[in-house]
Every structure is written in structure tokens, then in C-alpha cells.
Amino acid sequence: MFEDKTLVCKDCGQDFTFTVGEQEFYAEKGFQNEPARCKDCRTARKSSSNMGAKRERVMYDAVCAECGKDTQVPFKPTNDRPVYCKDCFDARR
């Protein structure tokens, strides 16, 4: 049903082969579009961008509403809800 296709990379303009195996994989995963970049350009694009890299979590300073200790939380605290340190939060669960 499938046969190798020659495609043109949209980044470098070089021809590359979209193999039968790759086409079967795309079909199995339900991908609708053929690849637009050759393997080298895909690899370069992934390594130069933040794709696949974890973002550093922003932490905010706060004071625990239970024990009064300084703590950090992964959300921006507001005055309408209490904020707890890890120990007090775990104890309340």
C-alpha cells in the first residue's frame, strides 16, 4: 500500500526519503501531514528550541498562614486564600 516517497525539506531544500516504515508509523499514530523537514533539520530544530526541555518552575515567596514560616509556592499568592508551607499543607490533607 505504501511506497517510499521523496520529499523536499522546507528548511534546507534537500531531498529526503519518507520511507514505507515511517509512513506506516504516521498512519498508525493518525498523523495527517507528511514530515516537512529532513531528519538533520528536525534534530537541529529540536536541539535549538525548548521543545522537549523542561521549563524552570517559577516560585513565589509566601508566609504560611498556619505556622508563620517563610515558604515558597509554585503560584502567585493572593490575599483571598491562605497559603501553607509543605508541612502544614500535608497535615491538612
C-alpha atoms as a PDB file:
ATOM      1  CA  MET A   1       0.000   0.000   0.000  1.00  0.00           C
ATOM      2  CA  PHE A   2       2.834   2.427   0.873  1.00  0.00           C
ATOM      3  CA  GLU A   3       5.991   3.075  -1.094  1.00  0.00           C
ATOM      4  CA  ASP A   4       8.990   5.306  -0.406  1.00  0.00           C
ATOM      5  CA  LYS A   5       8.394   8.988  -1.243  1.00  0.00           C
ATOM      6  CA  THR A   6      10.934  11.680  -1.963  1.00  0.00           C
ATOM      7  CA  LEU A   7      10.091  14.932  -0.188  1.00  0.00           C
ATOM      8  CA  VAL A   8      11.843  18.300  -0.080  1.00  0.00           C
ATOM      9  CA  CYS A   9      12.904  19.720   3.298  1.00  0.00           C
ATOM     10  CA  LYS A  10      11.340  23.122   3.916  1.00  0.00           C
ATOM     11  CA  ASP A  11      14.404  24.316   5.858  1.00  0.00           C
ATOM     12  CA  CYS A  12      17.419  23.201   3.815  1.00  0.00           C
ATOM     13  CA  GLY A  13      15.747  22.412   0.480  1.00  0.00           C
ATOM     14  CA  GLN A  14      17.390  18.978   0.216  1.00  0.00           C
ATOM     15  CA  ASP A  15      15.504  15.887  -0.900  1.00  0.00           C
ATOM     16  CA  PHE A  16      14.860  13.229   1.744  1.00  0.00           C
ATOM     17  CA  THR A  17      13.083   9.888   1.713  1.00  0.00           C
ATOM     18  CA  PHE A  18       9.836   9.336   3.594  1.00  0.00           C
ATOM     19  CA  THR A  19      10.197   5.581   3.960  1.00  0.00           C
ATOM     20  CA  VAL A  20       7.453   2.947   3.984  1.00  0.00           C
ATOM     21  CA  GLY A  21       8.183   2.278   7.661  1.00  0.00           C
ATOM     22  CA  GLU A  22       7.839   5.971   8.534  1.00  0.00           C
ATOM     23  CA  GLN A  23       4.590   6.193   6.571  1.00  0.00           C
ATOM     24  CA  GLU A  24       3.199   3.174   8.411  1.00  0.00           C
ATOM     25  CA  PHE A  25       4.203   4.758  11.735  1.00  0.00           C
ATOM     26  CA  TYR A  26       2.498   8.047  10.768  1.00  0.00           C
ATOM     27  CA  ALA A  27      -0.654   6.163   9.729  1.00  0.00           C
ATOM     28  CA  GLU A  28      -0.652   4.131  12.963  1.00  0.00           C
ATOM     29  CA  LYS A  29      -0.394   7.310  15.046  1.00  0.00           C
ATOM     30  CA  GLY A  30      -3.086   9.039  12.992  1.00  0.00           C
ATOM     31  CA  PHE A  31      -0.799  11.810  11.736  1.00  0.00           C
ATOM     32  CA  GLN A  32      -2.397  13.664   8.838  1.00  0.00           C
ATOM     33  CA  ASN A  33       0.614  15.543   7.455  1.00  0.00           C
ATOM     34  CA  GLU A  34       3.827  14.258   5.921  1.00  0.00           C
ATOM     35  CA  PRO A  35       7.078  15.460   7.529  1.00  0.00           C
ATOM     36  CA  ALA A  36       8.199  18.870   6.290  1.00  0.00           C
ATOM     37  CA  ARG A  37      11.835  18.612   7.410  1.00  0.00           C
ATOM     38  CA  CYS A  38      14.625  16.096   6.893  1.00  0.00           C
ATOM     39  CA  LYS A  39      15.992  14.215   9.895  1.00  0.00           C
ATOM     40  CA  ASP A  40      19.008  16.541  10.296  1.00  0.00           C
ATOM     41  CA  CYS A  41      16.837  19.684  10.258  1.00  0.00           C
ATOM     42  CA  ARG A  42      14.322  18.123  12.697  1.00  0.00           C
ATOM     43  CA  THR A  43      17.161  17.261  15.078  1.00  0.00           C
ATOM     44  CA  ALA A  44      18.699  20.732  14.770  1.00  0.00           C
ATOM     45  CA  ARG A  45      15.316  22.384  15.351  1.00  0.00           C
ATOM     46  CA  LYS A  46      14.624  20.307  18.465  1.00  0.00           C
ATOM     47  CA  SER A  47      18.036  20.994  19.977  1.00  0.00           C
ATOM     48  CA  SER A  48      17.884  24.741  19.307  1.00  0.00           C
ATOM     49  CA  SER A  49      14.406  25.276  20.715  1.00  0.00           C
ATOM     50  CA  ASN A  50      12.887  24.498  24.085  1.00  0.00           C
ATOM     51  CA  MET A  51      10.937  21.567  22.687  1.00  0.00           C
ATOM     52  CA  GLY A  52      11.442  18.638  24.985  1.00  0.00           C
ATOM     53  CA  ALA A  53      13.210  20.761  27.592  1.00  0.00           C
ATOM     54  CA  LYS A  54      11.627  21.274  30.960  1.00  0.00           C
ATOM     55  CA  ARG A  55      10.743  24.812  31.845  1.00  0.00           C
ATOM     56  CA  GLU A  56      12.101  26.065  35.106  1.00  0.00           C
ATOM     57  CA  ARG A  57       9.276  26.472  37.593  1.00  0.00           C
ATOM     58  CA  VAL A  58       8.779  29.980  38.946  1.00  0.00           C
ATOM     59  CA  MET A  59       8.407  30.001  42.706  1.00  0.00           C
ATOM     60  CA  TYR A  60       6.874  32.793  44.787  1.00  0.00           C
ATOM     61  CA  ASP A  61       7.720  33.793  48.350  1.00  0.00           C
ATOM     62  CA  ALA A  62       4.924  33.498  50.891  1.00  0.00           C
ATOM     63  CA  VAL A  63       4.302  33.214  54.614  1.00  0.00           C
ATOM     64  CA  CYS A  64       2.484  30.130  55.877  1.00  0.00           C
ATOM     65  CA  ALA A  65      -0.971  31.014  57.231  1.00  0.00           C
ATOM     66  CA  GLU A  66      -0.725  28.198  59.803  1.00  0.00           C
ATOM     67  CA  CYS A  67       2.758  28.364  61.344  1.00  0.00           C
ATOM     68  CA  GLY A  68       4.091  31.699  60.026  1.00  0.00           C
ATOM     69  CA  LYS A  69       7.229  30.225  58.397  1.00  0.00           C
ATOM     70  CA  ASP A  70       8.624  31.716  55.202  1.00  0.00           C
ATOM     71  CA  THR A  71       7.982  29.345  52.290  1.00  0.00           C
ATOM     72  CA  GLN A  72       7.854  29.234  48.514  1.00  0.00           C
ATOM     73  CA  VAL A  73       4.895  28.159  46.386  1.00  0.00           C
ATOM     74  CA  PRO A  74       4.520  27.491  42.622  1.00  0.00           C
ATOM     75  CA  PHE A  75       1.680  30.017  42.235  1.00  0.00           C
ATOM     76  CA  LYS A  76       1.323  33.724  42.865  1.00  0.00           C
ATOM     77  CA  PRO A  77      -0.323  34.082  46.273  1.00  0.00           C
ATOM     78  CA  THR A  78      -3.337  36.343  46.612  1.00  0.00           C
ATOM     79  CA  ASN A  79      -4.865  37.741  49.789  1.00  0.00           C
ATOM     80  CA  ASP A  80      -8.193  35.971  49.319  1.00  0.00           C
ATOM     81  CA  ARG A  81      -6.920  32.447  50.181  1.00  0.00           C
ATOM     82  CA  PRO A  82      -4.476  31.152  52.811  1.00  0.00           C
ATOM     83  CA  VAL A  83      -1.093  29.773  51.759  1.00  0.00           C
ATOM     84  CA  TYR A  84       0.552  26.904  53.649  1.00  0.00           C
ATOM     85  CA  CYS A  85       4.099  25.590  53.844  1.00  0.00           C
ATOM     86  CA  LYS A  86       4.619  21.985  52.772  1.00  0.00           C
ATOM     87  CA  ASP A  87       4.428  20.603  56.309  1.00  0.00           C
ATOM     88  CA  CYS A  88       1.189  22.415  57.180  1.00  0.00           C
ATOM     89  CA  PHE A  89      -0.324  21.633  53.788  1.00  0.00           C
ATOM     90  CA  ASP A  90       0.446  17.924  54.170  1.00  0.00           C
ATOM     91  CA  ALA A  91      -1.003  17.942  57.697  1.00  0.00           C
ATOM     92  CA  ARG A  92      -4.259  19.489  56.433  1.00  0.00           C
ATOM     93  CA  ARG A  93      -4.777  16.883  53.689  1.00  0.00           C
END
